[in-house]
C-alpha atoms as a PDB file:
ATOM      1  CA  MET A   1     -11.483  21.899  48.451  1.00  0.00           C
ATOM      2  CA  THR A   2     -10.954  19.179  45.873  1.00  0.00           C
ATOM      3  CA  GLN A   3      -7.402  18.343  45.013  1.00  0.00           C
ATOM      4  CA  ILE A   4      -6.808  17.505  41.363  1.00  0.00           C
ATOM      5  CA  PRO A   5      -4.096  14.894  40.862  1.00  0.00           C
ATOM      6  CA  GLU A   6      -1.292  15.891  38.557  1.00  0.00           C
ATOM      7  CA  VAL A   7      -1.361  14.105  35.222  1.00  0.00           C
ATOM      8  CA  PRO A   8       2.079  13.163  33.929  1.00  0.00           C
ATOM      9  CA  VAL A   9       2.797  14.563  30.472  1.00  0.00           C
ATOM     10  CA  THR A  10       3.951  11.953  27.995  1.00  0.00           C
ATOM     11  CA  ASP A  11       4.688  12.055  24.316  1.00  0.00           C
ATOM     12  CA  THR A  12       2.959   8.717  23.732  1.00  0.00           C
ATOM     13  CA  PRO A  13       0.450   9.993  21.134  1.00  0.00           C
ATOM     14  CA  THR A  14       3.260  11.475  19.066  1.00  0.00           C
ATOM     15  CA  SER A  15       5.489   8.442  19.388  1.00  0.00           C
ATOM     16  CA  ARG A  16       2.603   6.087  18.552  1.00  0.00           C
ATOM     17  CA  ALA A  17       1.699   8.237  15.560  1.00  0.00           C
ATOM     18  CA  ASP A  18       5.318   8.252  14.461  1.00  0.00           C
ATOM     19  CA  ALA A  19       5.581   4.482  14.856  1.00  0.00           C
ATOM     20  CA  ALA A  20       2.389   3.940  12.860  1.00  0.00           C
ATOM     21  CA  GLN A  21       3.574   6.317  10.139  1.00  0.00           C
ATOM     22  CA  ALA A  22       6.883   4.451   9.936  1.00  0.00           C
ATOM     23  CA  LEU A  23       4.968   1.200   9.403  1.00  0.00           C
ATOM     24  CA  VAL A  24       2.855   2.834   6.683  1.00  0.00           C
ATOM     25  CA  ALA A  25       6.075   3.920   4.973  1.00  0.00           C
ATOM     26  CA  GLU A  26       7.420   0.349   5.202  1.00  0.00           C
ATOM     27  CA  VAL A  27       4.227  -1.090   3.698  1.00  0.00           C
ATOM     28  CA  ARG A  28       4.350   1.452   0.878  1.00  0.00           C
ATOM     29  CA  ALA A  29       8.008   0.628   0.261  1.00  0.00           C
ATOM     30  CA  MET A  30       6.968  -3.026   0.051  1.00  0.00           C
ATOM     31  CA  ARG A  31       4.856  -2.155  -2.998  1.00  0.00           C
ATOM     32  CA  ALA A  32       8.011  -1.517  -4.987  1.00  0.00           C
ATOM     33  CA  ARG A  33       9.319  -4.942  -3.995  1.00  0.00           C
ATOM     34  CA  VAL A  34       6.281  -6.836  -5.328  1.00  0.00           C
ATOM     35  CA  PRO A  35       6.948  -7.572  -8.999  1.00  0.00           C
ATOM     36  CA  ASP A  36       4.163  -6.898 -11.490  1.00  0.00           C
ATOM     37  CA  LEU A  37       2.020  -5.182  -8.843  1.00  0.00           C
ATOM     38  CA  VAL A  38      -1.191  -3.900 -10.422  1.00  0.00           C
ATOM     39  CA  ILE A  39      -3.189  -1.236  -8.597  1.00  0.00           C
ATOM     40  CA  PRO A  40      -6.922  -1.483  -9.371  1.00  0.00           C
ATOM     41  CA  ASP A  41      -8.253   1.477 -11.336  1.00  0.00           C
ATOM     42  CA  SER A  42     -11.763   1.255  -9.891  1.00  0.00           C
ATOM     43  CA  PRO A  43     -13.524  -0.183  -6.833  1.00  0.00           C
ATOM     44  CA  ILE A  44     -14.944  -3.036  -8.925  1.00  0.00           C
ATOM     45  CA  ALA A  45     -11.829  -3.814 -10.991  1.00  0.00           C
ATOM     46  CA  THR A  46     -11.134  -7.049  -9.094  1.00  0.00           C
ATOM     47  CA  GLN A  47     -14.751  -8.206  -9.424  1.00  0.00           C
ATOM     48  CA  LYS A  48     -14.517  -7.813 -13.187  1.00  0.00           C
ATOM     49  CA  LEU A  49     -11.522 -10.172 -13.276  1.00  0.00           C
ATOM     50  CA  ILE A  50     -12.745 -12.934 -10.951  1.00  0.00           C
ATOM     51  CA  SER A  51     -14.740 -15.106 -13.359  1.00  0.00           C
ATOM     52  CA  VAL A  52     -11.836 -15.552 -15.779  1.00  0.00           C
ATOM     53  CA  ALA A  53      -9.170 -15.572 -13.039  1.00  0.00           C
ATOM     54  CA  THR A  54     -10.797 -18.599 -11.426  1.00  0.00           C
ATOM     55  CA  VAL A  55     -10.601 -20.980 -14.384  1.00  0.00           C
ATOM     56  CA  PRO A  56      -8.949 -24.241 -13.242  1.00  0.00           C
ATOM     57  CA  THR A  57      -5.146 -24.387 -13.305  1.00  0.00           C
ATOM     58  CA  GLN A  58      -5.396 -27.651 -15.246  1.00  0.00           C
ATOM     59  CA  PHE A  59      -7.323 -25.789 -17.967  1.00  0.00           C
ATOM     60  CA  VAL A  60      -4.554 -23.173 -18.264  1.00  0.00           C
ATOM     61  CA  GLU A  61      -1.910 -25.924 -18.415  1.00  0.00           C
ATOM     62  CA  LEU A  62      -3.824 -27.746 -21.166  1.00  0.00           C
ATOM     63  CA  THR A  63      -3.994 -24.529 -23.208  1.00  0.00           C
ATOM     64  CA  ALA A  64      -0.238 -24.059 -22.719  1.00  0.00           C
ATOM     65  CA  VAL A  65       0.367 -27.556 -24.088  1.00  0.00           C
ATOM     66  CA  ALA A  66      -1.973 -26.858 -26.998  1.00  0.00           C
ATOM     67  CA  VAL A  67      -0.212 -23.575 -27.853  1.00  0.00           C
ATOM     68  CA  THR A  68       3.149 -25.367 -27.742  1.00  0.00           C
ATOM     69  CA  ASN A  69       1.948 -28.173 -30.027  1.00  0.00           C
ATOM     70  CA  SER A  70      -0.214 -26.256 -32.489  1.00  0.00           C
ATOM     71  CA  GLU A  71       1.133 -23.392 -34.576  1.00  0.00           C
ATOM     72  CA  ALA A  72      -2.454 -22.350 -35.380  1.00  0.00           C
ATOM     73  CA  LEU A  73      -3.006 -21.366 -31.716  1.00  0.00           C
ATOM     74  CA  VAL A  74       0.008 -19.062 -31.494  1.00  0.00           C
ATOM     75  CA  ARG A  75      -1.295 -15.494 -31.489  1.00  0.00           C
ATOM     76  CA  LYS A  76       0.600 -12.316 -32.126  1.00  0.00           C
ATOM     77  CA  GLY A  77       0.878 -10.588 -28.739  1.00  0.00           C
ATOM     78  CA  GLY A  78      -0.608 -13.621 -26.986  1.00  0.00           C
ATOM     79  CA  ALA A  79       1.116 -15.468 -24.168  1.00  0.00           C
ATOM     80  CA  ASP A  80       3.178 -18.497 -25.019  1.00  0.00           C
ATOM     81  CA  ALA A  81       3.321 -21.624 -22.846  1.00  0.00           C
ATOM     82  CA  ALA A  82       6.267 -20.348 -20.777  1.00  0.00           C
ATOM     83  CA  GLN A  83       4.481 -17.055 -20.041  1.00  0.00           C
ATOM     84  CA  LEU A  84       1.269 -18.852 -19.031  1.00  0.00           C
ATOM     85  CA  ARG A  85       3.192 -21.096 -16.655  1.00  0.00           C
ATOM     86  CA  ASP A  86       5.108 -18.105 -15.238  1.00  0.00           C
ATOM     87  CA  LEU A  87       1.814 -16.292 -14.560  1.00  0.00           C
ATOM     88  CA  LEU A  88       0.529 -19.346 -12.686  1.00  0.00           C
ATOM     89  CA  ARG A  89       3.782 -19.548 -10.655  1.00  0.00           C
ATOM     90  CA  TYR A  90       3.421 -15.847  -9.811  1.00  0.00           C
ATOM     91  CA  ALA A  91      -0.174 -16.385  -8.643  1.00  0.00           C
ATOM     92  CA  ASP A  92       0.793 -19.442  -6.592  1.00  0.00           C
ATOM     93  CA  ALA A  93       3.772 -17.684  -5.016  1.00  0.00           C
ATOM     94  CA  TYR A  94       2.098 -14.386  -4.085  1.00  0.00           C
ATOM     95  CA  ASP A  95      -1.326 -15.688  -3.014  1.00  0.00           C
ATOM     96  CA  PRO A  96      -0.039 -16.739   0.450  1.00  0.00           C
ATOM     97  CA  PHE A  97       1.678 -13.342   0.782  1.00  0.00           C
ATOM     98  CA  ALA A  98      -1.659 -11.612   0.099  1.00  0.00           C
ATOM     99  CA  ASP A  99      -3.333 -13.907   2.658  1.00  0.00           C
ATOM    100  CA  GLU A 100      -0.709 -12.964   5.239  1.00  0.00           C
ATOM    101  CA  LEU A 101      -1.171  -9.245   4.567  1.00  0.00           C
ATOM    102  CA  GLU A 102      -4.943  -9.602   4.885  1.00  0.00           C
ATOM    103  CA  ALA A 103      -4.524 -11.465   8.167  1.00  0.00           C
ATOM    104  CA  LEU A 104      -2.201  -8.735   9.423  1.00  0.00           C
ATOM    105  CA  ALA A 105      -4.725  -6.077   8.399  1.00  0.00           C
ATOM    106  CA  GLN A 106      -7.462  -7.992  10.254  1.00  0.00           C
ATOM    107  CA  PHE A 107      -5.283  -8.239  13.375  1.00  0.00           C
ATOM    108  CA  VAL A 108      -4.413  -4.541  13.242  1.00  0.00           C
ATOM    109  CA  ARG A 109      -8.109  -3.618  12.798  1.00  0.00           C
ATOM    110  CA  HIS A 110      -8.964  -5.823  15.785  1.00  0.00           C
ATOM    111  CA  SER A 111      -6.212  -4.167  17.823  1.00  0.00           C
ATOM    112  CA  VAL A 112      -7.556  -0.721  16.877  1.00  0.00           C
ATOM    113  CA  ILE A 113     -11.088  -1.708  17.913  1.00  0.00           C
ATOM    114  CA  THR A 114      -9.745  -3.219  21.150  1.00  0.00           C
ATOM    115  CA  ALA A 115      -7.912   0.015  21.967  1.00  0.00           C
ATOM    116  CA  ARG A 116     -11.030   2.092  21.185  1.00  0.00           C
ATOM    117  CA  HIS A 117     -13.105  -0.286  23.313  1.00  0.00           C
ATOM    118  CA  LYS A 118     -10.762   0.060  26.285  1.00  0.00           C
ATOM    119  CA  ALA A 119     -10.664   3.850  25.935  1.00  0.00           C
ATOM    120  CA  GLY A 120     -14.442   4.032  25.537  1.00  0.00           C
ATOM    121  CA  SER A 121     -15.045   1.713  28.474  1.00  0.00           C
ATOM    122  CA  GLU A 122     -12.784   3.787  30.718  1.00  0.00           C
ATOM    123  CA  ALA A 123     -14.444   6.997  29.523  1.00  0.00           C
ATOM    124  CA  LEU A 124     -17.953   5.623  30.145  1.00  0.00           C
ATOM    125  CA  THR A 125     -16.945   4.459  33.625  1.00  0.00           C
ATOM    126  CA  THR A 126     -15.488   7.879  34.402  1.00  0.00           C
ATOM    127  CA  TYR A 127     -18.658   9.519  33.062  1.00  0.00           C
ATOM    128  CA  ALA A 128     -20.867   7.328  35.264  1.00  0.00           C
ATOM    129  CA  ILE A 129     -18.776   8.155  38.331  1.00  0.00           C
ATOM    130  CA  ALA A 130     -18.740  11.859  37.447  1.00  0.00           C
ATOM    131  CA  GLN A 131     -22.547  11.867  37.073  1.00  0.00           C
ATOM    132  CA  ARG A 132     -22.958  10.508  40.588  1.00  0.00           C
ATOM    133  CA  LEU A 133     -20.290  12.726  42.111  1.00  0.00           C
ATOM    134  CA  ALA A 134     -21.691  15.873  40.448  1.00  0.00           C
ATOM    135  CA  LYS A 135     -24.859  15.414  42.528  1.00  0.00           C
ATOM    136  CA  LEU A 136     -22.917  15.653  45.782  1.00  0.00           C
ATOM    137  CA  PRO A 137     -22.293  19.124  47.239  1.00  0.00           C
ATOM    138  CA  GLU A 138     -18.574  18.532  47.802  1.00  0.00           C
ATOM    139  CA  THR A 139     -17.996  17.600  44.138  1.00  0.00           C
ATOM    140  CA  ALA A 140     -20.648  19.768  42.480  1.00  0.00           C
ATOM    141  CA  ASP A 141     -17.868  21.408  40.438  1.00  0.00           C
ATOM    142  CA  LEU A 142     -18.010  18.323  38.194  1.00  0.00           C
ATOM    143  CA  ALA A 143     -21.472  19.290  36.878  1.00  0.00           C
ATOM    144  CA  PRO A 144     -20.170  21.401  33.941  1.00  0.00           C
ATOM    145  CA  HIS A 145     -17.809  18.577  32.969  1.00  0.00           C
ATOM    146  CA  VAL A 146     -20.671  16.095  33.090  1.00  0.00           C
ATOM    147  CA  ALA A 147     -22.753  18.379  30.868  1.00  0.00           C
ATOM    148  CA  ASP A 148     -19.878  18.635  28.375  1.00  0.00           C
ATOM    149  CA  MET A 149     -19.447  14.869  28.416  1.00  0.00           C
ATOM    150  CA  ARG A 150     -23.201  14.343  27.900  1.00  0.00           C
ATOM    151  CA  ARG A 151     -23.183  16.651  24.857  1.00  0.00           C
ATOM    152  CA  ALA A 152     -20.091  14.983  23.428  1.00  0.00           C
ATOM    153  CA  LEU A 153     -21.571  11.526  23.938  1.00  0.00           C
ATOM    154  CA  GLY A 154     -24.770  12.431  22.155  1.00  0.00           C
ATOM    155  CA  LYS A 155     -27.839  10.281  22.088  1.00  0.00           C
ATOM    156  CA  ARG A 156     -26.842   6.675  22.374  1.00  0.00           C
ATOM    157  CA  GLY A 157     -28.447   3.535  23.649  1.00  0.00           C
ATOM    158  CA  ARG A 158     -31.082   1.146  22.615  1.00  0.00           C
ATOM    159  CA  ASN A 159     -34.071   2.345  20.667  1.00  0.00           C
ATOM    160  CA  GLY A 160     -36.192  -0.673  21.440  1.00  0.00           C
ATOM    161  CA  LYS A 161     -38.334  -1.624  18.492  1.00  0.00           C
ATOM    162  CA  ALA A 162     -37.665   0.307  15.334  1.00  0.00           C
ATOM    163  CA  LYS A 163     -40.605   2.461  14.401  1.00  0.00           C
ATOM    164  CA  THR A 164     -41.889   1.762  10.943  1.00  0.00           C
ATOM    165  CA  ALA A 165     -43.009   4.675   8.847  1.00  0.00           C
ATOM    166  CA  PRO A 166     -46.649   4.560   7.828  1.00  0.00           C
ATOM    167  CA  ALA A 167     -47.229   3.475   4.253  1.00  0.00           C
ATOM    168  CA  PRO A 168     -47.540   6.482   1.963  1.00  0.00           C
ATOM    169  CA  VAL A 169     -51.011   7.174   0.730  1.00  0.00           C
ATOM    170  CA  THR A 170     -51.082   7.444  -3.024  1.00  0.00           C
ATOM    171  CA  PRO A 171     -53.620   9.830  -4.452  1.00  0.00           C
ATOM    172  CA  PRO A 172     -55.955   8.306  -7.034  1.00  0.00           C
ATOM    173  CA  SER A 173     -54.744   8.743 -10.582  1.00  0.00           C
ATOM    174  CA  PRO A 174     -56.789  10.963 -12.893  1.00  0.00           C
ATOM    175  CA  THR A 175     -57.915   7.916 -14.886  1.00  0.00           C
ATOM    176  CA  THR A 176     -59.199   6.093 -11.809  1.00  0.00           C
ATOM    177  CA  PRO A 177     -62.937   6.642 -11.403  1.00  0.00           C
ATOM    178  CA  THR A 178     -63.946   7.995  -8.002  1.00  0.00           C
ATOM    179  CA  LYS A 179     -67.028   6.702  -6.193  1.00  0.00           C
END
């Protein structure tokens, strides 16, 4: 008779989920702390802004000087020199913060993939062992578990060369003479 080892019950999934949720709440709270935060209204909103947002800083500074020195360039509702310079200071100050957040996101994504890799590797090793043990009479009771694992795993592996679909045959058009 096979003895099944007792698995200790832990609340790790709940505590990890709670810890992750607490971090999400902290990140969301951080939004309120970023002045003039603008949330994009579409997936391509940032792309629409890039070409104008990347004009040289020197160009913006020269326009600020020109607005200061020429009354004809002052526009109603337009930014004055102080506002232009403040916008540049904002961009310079918060760009490294955005870089740091992106780096953190990349590290967290890598950590998530690493955890999934470790879990998957352990599961695949267990599956391989279970497949072999299920063939032995003394551990044949593993066969239903192996079948369940096989179904859950699905078809995976290398396909070799990708099969190319044959080119579709186009019927001759009514104006094309047939021979």
